[in-house]
Protein backbone atom coordinates (compact mmCIF):
# COMPACT_ATOMS: atom_id res chain seq x y z
CA MET A 1 72.38 -40.82 -22.41
CA PHE A 2 73.93 -37.59 -23.62
CA ALA A 3 71.74 -37.69 -26.74
CA ARG A 4 68.65 -37.84 -24.50
CA ILE A 5 69.96 -34.92 -22.43
CA ARG A 6 70.50 -32.80 -25.53
CA GLU A 7 67.03 -33.78 -26.74
CA ASP A 8 65.45 -32.72 -23.43
CA ILE A 9 67.16 -29.33 -23.57
CA ALA A 10 66.27 -28.76 -27.22
CA CYS A 11 62.56 -29.50 -26.70
CA ILE A 12 62.39 -26.92 -23.90
CA ARG A 13 64.07 -24.27 -26.02
CA ASP A 14 61.68 -25.05 -28.88
CA ARG A 15 58.48 -24.83 -26.80
CA ASP A 16 59.28 -22.09 -24.29
CA PRO A 17 60.03 -18.64 -25.71
CA ALA A 18 61.30 -17.60 -22.28
CA ALA A 19 64.26 -19.99 -22.54
CA ARG A 20 67.15 -17.80 -23.67
CA SER A 21 70.12 -20.14 -23.37
CA THR A 22 71.15 -23.71 -22.68
CA LEU A 23 72.70 -22.65 -19.38
CA GLU A 24 69.40 -21.14 -18.27
CA VAL A 25 67.54 -24.34 -19.14
CA LEU A 26 70.09 -26.50 -17.30
CA THR A 27 70.00 -24.44 -14.11
CA CYS A 28 66.54 -22.88 -13.89
CA TYR A 29 63.97 -25.40 -15.15
CA PRO A 30 62.64 -27.67 -12.36
CA GLY A 31 60.67 -29.74 -14.88
CA LEU A 32 63.95 -30.82 -16.48
CA HIS A 33 65.51 -31.64 -13.09
CA ALA A 34 62.43 -33.65 -12.05
CA LEU A 35 62.55 -35.61 -15.30
CA TRP A 36 66.21 -36.54 -14.87
CA LEU A 37 65.74 -37.53 -11.23
CA HIS A 38 62.71 -39.60 -12.21
CA ARG A 39 64.79 -41.59 -14.68
CA ILE A 40 67.11 -42.59 -11.85
CA ALA A 41 64.18 -43.40 -9.56
CA HIS A 42 62.43 -45.38 -12.30
CA ALA A 43 65.58 -47.44 -12.95
CA CYS A 44 65.76 -48.29 -9.25
CA TRP A 45 62.05 -49.18 -9.22
CA CYS A 46 62.34 -51.49 -12.23
CA ASN A 47 65.34 -53.28 -10.71
CA GLY A 48 63.63 -54.12 -7.45
CA LEU A 49 65.01 -51.22 -5.41
CA ARG A 50 61.54 -49.94 -4.58
CA TRP A 51 62.41 -48.06 -1.40
CA LEU A 52 65.36 -46.30 -3.01
CA GLY A 53 63.20 -45.32 -5.98
CA ARG A 54 60.57 -43.84 -3.68
CA PHE A 55 63.22 -42.02 -1.66
CA ILE A 56 64.73 -40.42 -4.78
CA SER A 57 61.21 -39.45 -5.89
CA HIS A 58 60.58 -37.90 -2.48
CA GLY A 59 63.79 -35.89 -2.69
CA SER A 60 62.88 -34.76 -6.20
CA ARG A 61 59.53 -33.47 -4.95
CA TRP A 62 61.27 -31.54 -2.19
CA LEU A 63 63.70 -29.97 -4.68
CA THR A 64 61.36 -29.26 -7.61
CA GLY A 65 57.77 -29.24 -6.29
CA ILE A 66 56.92 -32.00 -8.78
CA GLU A 67 55.80 -35.41 -7.49
CA ILE A 68 56.30 -38.33 -9.88
CA HIS A 69 55.89 -41.90 -8.71
CA PRO A 70 58.94 -43.94 -9.75
CA GLY A 71 56.65 -46.47 -11.43
CA ALA A 72 55.37 -43.94 -13.99
CA THR A 73 56.79 -44.18 -17.51
CA PHE A 74 57.86 -41.28 -19.73
CA GLY A 75 58.50 -41.05 -23.44
CA ARG A 76 60.94 -38.73 -25.15
CA ARG A 77 60.89 -34.93 -25.29
CA VAL A 78 58.39 -34.52 -22.45
CA PHE A 79 58.26 -30.93 -21.18
CA MET A 80 56.88 -30.00 -17.74
CA ASP A 81 56.60 -26.21 -17.86
CA HIS A 82 56.92 -24.39 -14.51
CA GLY A 83 56.01 -27.71 -12.90
CA MET A 84 55.04 -26.70 -9.36
CA GLY A 85 52.25 -28.92 -8.04
CA ILE A 86 52.36 -31.59 -10.77
CA VAL A 87 51.39 -35.04 -9.42
CA ILE A 88 51.83 -38.15 -11.60
CA GLY A 89 50.70 -41.54 -10.33
CA GLU A 90 52.30 -44.96 -10.41
CA THR A 91 50.68 -46.45 -13.52
CA ALA A 92 50.62 -43.23 -15.57
CA GLU A 93 52.19 -43.35 -19.03
CA ILE A 94 53.31 -40.18 -20.81
CA GLY A 95 54.05 -40.44 -24.51
CA ASP A 96 56.57 -38.63 -26.67
CA ASP A 97 56.36 -34.85 -27.14
CA CYS A 98 53.79 -34.27 -24.38
CA THR A 99 53.61 -30.92 -22.57
CA ILE A 100 52.35 -30.69 -18.99
CA TYR A 101 51.83 -27.40 -17.16
CA GLN A 102 51.83 -26.58 -13.46
CA GLY A 103 49.24 -27.98 -11.08
CA VAL A 104 48.32 -30.98 -13.24
CA THR A 105 47.24 -34.24 -11.60
CA LEU A 106 47.40 -37.54 -13.45
CA GLY A 107 45.58 -39.49 -10.78
CA GLY A 108 43.71 -42.73 -10.22
CA THR A 109 40.15 -43.53 -9.20
CA SER A 110 40.66 -47.21 -8.32
CA LEU A 111 42.12 -48.72 -5.15
CA THR A 112 42.90 -52.08 -6.78
CA ARG A 113 46.56 -52.88 -6.24
CA GLY A 114 48.38 -53.69 -9.48
CA ALA A 115 45.58 -52.42 -11.77
CA LYS A 116 45.96 -49.67 -14.37
CA ARG A 117 44.70 -46.81 -12.23
CA HIS A 118 46.24 -43.76 -13.91
CA PRO A 119 45.84 -42.25 -17.38
CA THR A 120 47.90 -42.79 -20.50
CA LEU A 121 48.83 -39.72 -22.53
CA ALA A 122 49.47 -40.53 -26.19
CA ARG A 123 51.97 -38.66 -28.35
CA GLY A 124 51.77 -34.86 -28.46
CA VAL A 125 49.15 -34.34 -25.72
CA ILE A 126 49.04 -30.93 -24.02
CA VAL A 127 47.62 -30.73 -20.48
CA GLY A 128 46.81 -27.20 -19.31
CA ALA A 129 47.53 -25.72 -15.90
CA GLY A 130 45.50 -27.14 -13.03
CA ALA A 131 43.85 -29.91 -15.06
CA LYS A 132 42.91 -33.19 -13.38
CA VAL A 133 42.99 -36.37 -15.47
CA LEU A 134 41.63 -39.18 -13.31
CA GLY A 135 41.36 -42.83 -14.30
CA GLY A 136 43.03 -45.57 -16.29
CA PHE A 137 41.91 -44.41 -19.73
CA THR A 138 43.81 -43.03 -22.73
CA VAL A 139 44.04 -39.43 -23.88
CA GLY A 140 44.39 -39.70 -27.67
CA GLU A 141 47.25 -38.45 -29.79
CA GLY A 142 47.38 -34.69 -30.23
CA ALA A 143 44.53 -34.08 -27.75
CA ARG A 144 44.42 -31.00 -25.54
CA ILE A 145 43.19 -30.71 -21.97
CA GLY A 146 42.08 -27.20 -21.02
CA SER A 147 43.23 -25.47 -17.85
CA ASN A 148 41.37 -26.63 -14.71
CA ALA A 149 39.44 -29.26 -16.66
CA VAL A 150 38.45 -32.44 -14.82
CA VAL A 151 38.68 -35.39 -17.22
CA VAL A 152 37.26 -38.74 -16.10
CA ARG A 153 36.75 -40.52 -19.43
CA GLU A 154 38.67 -41.21 -22.61
CA VAL A 155 39.56 -38.29 -24.88
CA PRO A 156 39.61 -38.98 -28.64
CA ALA A 157 42.69 -38.16 -30.68
CA GLY A 158 42.81 -34.51 -31.72
CA ALA A 159 39.94 -33.48 -29.42
CA THR A 160 39.92 -30.74 -26.79
CA ALA A 161 38.53 -31.40 -23.30
CA VAL A 162 37.35 -28.40 -21.26
CA GLY A 163 35.23 -27.83 -18.18
CA ASN A 164 34.23 -29.73 -15.05
CA PRO A 165 33.29 -32.42 -15.80
CA ALA A 166 35.13 -32.09 -19.09
CA ARG A 167 33.18 -32.00 -22.36
CA MET A 168 34.79 -32.98 -25.62
CA LEU A 169 35.14 -30.47 -28.46
CA LEU A 170 35.79 -32.36 -31.68
CA LYS A 171 37.30 -30.52 -34.62
CA GLU A 172 34.45 -31.27 -37.06
CA ALA A 173 31.66 -30.54 -34.60
CA ASP A 174 33.41 -27.40 -33.38
CA ALA A 175 33.79 -26.08 -36.94
CA ALA A 176 30.09 -26.68 -37.65
CA ARG A 177 29.13 -24.97 -34.38
CA GLU A 178 31.30 -21.98 -35.22
CA HIS A 179 29.73 -21.71 -38.67
CA VAL A 180 26.22 -21.57 -37.22
CA ALA A 181 27.35 -19.09 -34.56
CA ASN A 182 28.83 -16.79 -37.19
CA GLN A 183 25.54 -16.82 -39.12
CA MET A 184 23.75 -15.37 -36.10
CA GLY A 185 26.54 -12.88 -35.41
CA PHE A 186 28.02 -14.62 -32.41
CA SER A 187 31.40 -16.30 -32.11
CA ALA A 188 32.01 -19.10 -29.63
CA TYR A 189 35.51 -17.70 -29.14
CA GLY A 190 34.32 -14.21 -28.26
CA ILE A 191 35.33 -12.66 -31.58
CA THR A 192 33.03 -10.99 -34.09
CA ALA A 193 33.75 -9.70 -37.56
CA ASP A 194 32.79 -6.10 -36.73
CA GLY A 195 34.28 -6.02 -33.23
CA ASP A 196 30.99 -5.72 -31.31
CA ASP A 197 30.39 -7.44 -27.98
CA PRO A 198 29.40 -11.04 -28.92
CA LEU A 199 26.93 -11.36 -26.03
CA THR A 200 25.13 -8.20 -27.08
CA LYS A 201 24.96 -9.39 -30.68
CA ALA A 202 23.51 -12.72 -29.55
CA LEU A 203 20.83 -10.96 -27.47
CA HIS A 204 19.93 -8.73 -30.43
CA ALA A 205 19.54 -11.82 -32.62
CA LEU A 206 17.25 -13.46 -30.06
CA ILE A 207 15.13 -10.30 -29.76
CA ASP A 208 14.76 -9.99 -33.51
CA THR A 209 13.72 -13.65 -33.71
CA ALA A 210 11.09 -13.14 -31.01
CA ALA A 211 9.70 -10.11 -32.84
CA ALA A 212 9.48 -12.06 -36.11
CA GLN A 213 7.67 -14.92 -34.39
CA SER A 214 5.23 -12.45 -32.82
CA LYS A 215 4.35 -11.10 -36.26
CA GLU A 216 3.80 -14.62 -37.60
CA LEU A 217 1.43 -15.37 -34.71
CA GLU A 218 -0.54 -12.23 -35.53
CA LYS A 219 -0.89 -13.39 -39.14
CA MET A 220 -2.05 -16.82 -38.02
CA SER A 221 -4.65 -15.28 -35.68
CA ALA A 222 -5.97 -13.06 -38.48
CA ALA A 223 -6.19 -16.05 -40.84
CA LEU A 224 -8.16 -18.04 -38.26
CA ALA A 225 -10.53 -15.13 -37.74
CA ARG A 226 -11.15 -14.83 -41.50
CA ALA A 227 -11.92 -18.56 -41.60
CA GLY A 228 -14.64 -18.04 -39.00
CA LEU A 229 -12.89 -19.84 -36.16
CA SER A 230 -13.68 -18.41 -32.70
CA LEU A 231 -10.86 -17.24 -30.52
CA ASN A 232 -13.12 -16.64 -27.48
CA GLY A 233 -12.63 -18.36 -24.15
CA GLN A 234 -15.12 -20.71 -22.54
CA ASP A 235 -16.81 -17.84 -20.70
CA GLY A 236 -17.63 -16.09 -23.97
CA GLN A 237 -15.27 -13.23 -23.26
CA ASP A 238 -12.56 -12.30 -25.70
CA ARG A 239 -9.12 -13.39 -24.61
CA ALA A 240 -6.66 -10.67 -23.71
CA PRO A 241 -4.46 -9.83 -26.67
CA ALA A 242 -0.98 -11.33 -26.56
CA PRO A 243 1.76 -8.89 -25.52
CA GLN A 244 3.56 -7.32 -28.43
CA VAL A 245 7.34 -7.53 -28.76
CA ASN A 246 8.91 -4.16 -29.52
CA ALA A 247 12.25 -5.24 -30.96
CA GLN A 248 13.64 -1.72 -31.33
CA GLU A 249 12.93 -0.81 -27.71
CA LEU A 250 14.44 -4.06 -26.41
CA ASN A 251 17.55 -3.63 -28.55
CA ARG A 252 18.02 -0.12 -27.17
CA TRP A 253 17.65 -1.51 -23.65
CA VAL A 254 20.32 -4.15 -24.30
CA ASP A 255 22.70 -1.49 -25.61
CA GLN A 256 22.16 0.60 -22.47
CA CYS A 257 22.78 -2.39 -20.20
CA GLU A 258 26.17 -3.40 -21.67
CA PRO A 259 28.82 -4.14 -19.00
CA ASP A 260 31.16 -1.33 -18.03
CA ALA A 261 34.02 -3.26 -19.64
CA GLN A 262 32.36 -2.80 -23.04
CA ARG A 263 31.96 0.99 -22.73
CA THR A 264 34.17 3.31 -24.75
CA PRO A 265 36.94 5.13 -22.87
CA ASP A 266 35.10 8.45 -23.29
CA ALA A 267 31.93 7.19 -21.65
CA PRO A 268 31.58 8.23 -17.97
CA ALA A 269 31.68 5.38 -15.44
CA ASP A 270 28.67 4.85 -13.21
CA SER A 271 29.32 6.12 -9.74
CA ASP A 272 26.87 3.95 -7.82
CA SER A 273 25.94 0.48 -9.07
CA SER A 274 23.31 0.11 -6.35
CA THR A 275 21.29 3.03 -7.71
CA GLN A 276 21.83 2.04 -11.35
CA THR A 277 20.17 -1.37 -11.15
CA PRO A 278 16.67 -0.17 -10.09
CA SER A 279 16.66 2.41 -12.91
CA ARG A 280 17.27 -0.32 -15.49
CA THR A 281 14.55 -2.42 -13.93
CA HIS A 282 12.18 0.53 -14.14
CA LYS A 283 12.84 0.78 -17.87
């Protein structure tokens, strides 16, 4: 028992840079208190003292703000950081070395009594603040659940789940996506090699592509005309020429329309956003 207690304290000190001493961890970390009270409640639950287990769990929620059903099972070195608002259901299973942040729900989507209704977290899973993991599936070893994600299906080992509903970001696919993004001057993580705004760089790339395609269409039209193919409409009138894409003018417009957050500190702030928008539209 004392070895497990020392292990619980050590894992908190390893993962939380705000933990300055063992005394601070023992007295000021509700996630640790909830875990210890849950072990007592779980022992009562497994030995047929169901009401007593639920009562201890209820008292733990009142003291710590963390609600753990006494039927849930925990591995070793589980860390619930901050902890307020965590809800863990009856059939949930949390593996070794998992980290769970505040506001997380490990909930169920089935009303079948006795069924596996709540998720299983494999070893080393990290669940970000406010995430909802709902269902009796498994979150693979080393997976990460982003903050406020809503996960309703299995997460592969080593993957990252983000969004609502959550989409899976696999390491290999994410690396390939980042490589393509870097080629066009845009980083999926909001970072560029030269420090420019990634959204602006992406818009510039799209404008340049549109201008290049416009030139190719002009060449194709000229080739068709030299081959003697008519480009007239059914009424015998020449079709209106396709609008030309002026890449330089559009790029200048994009630079002028950058958000205020991207302006340099020396640039004057706009005083009236309601009068600024029509002027951009006029351009």
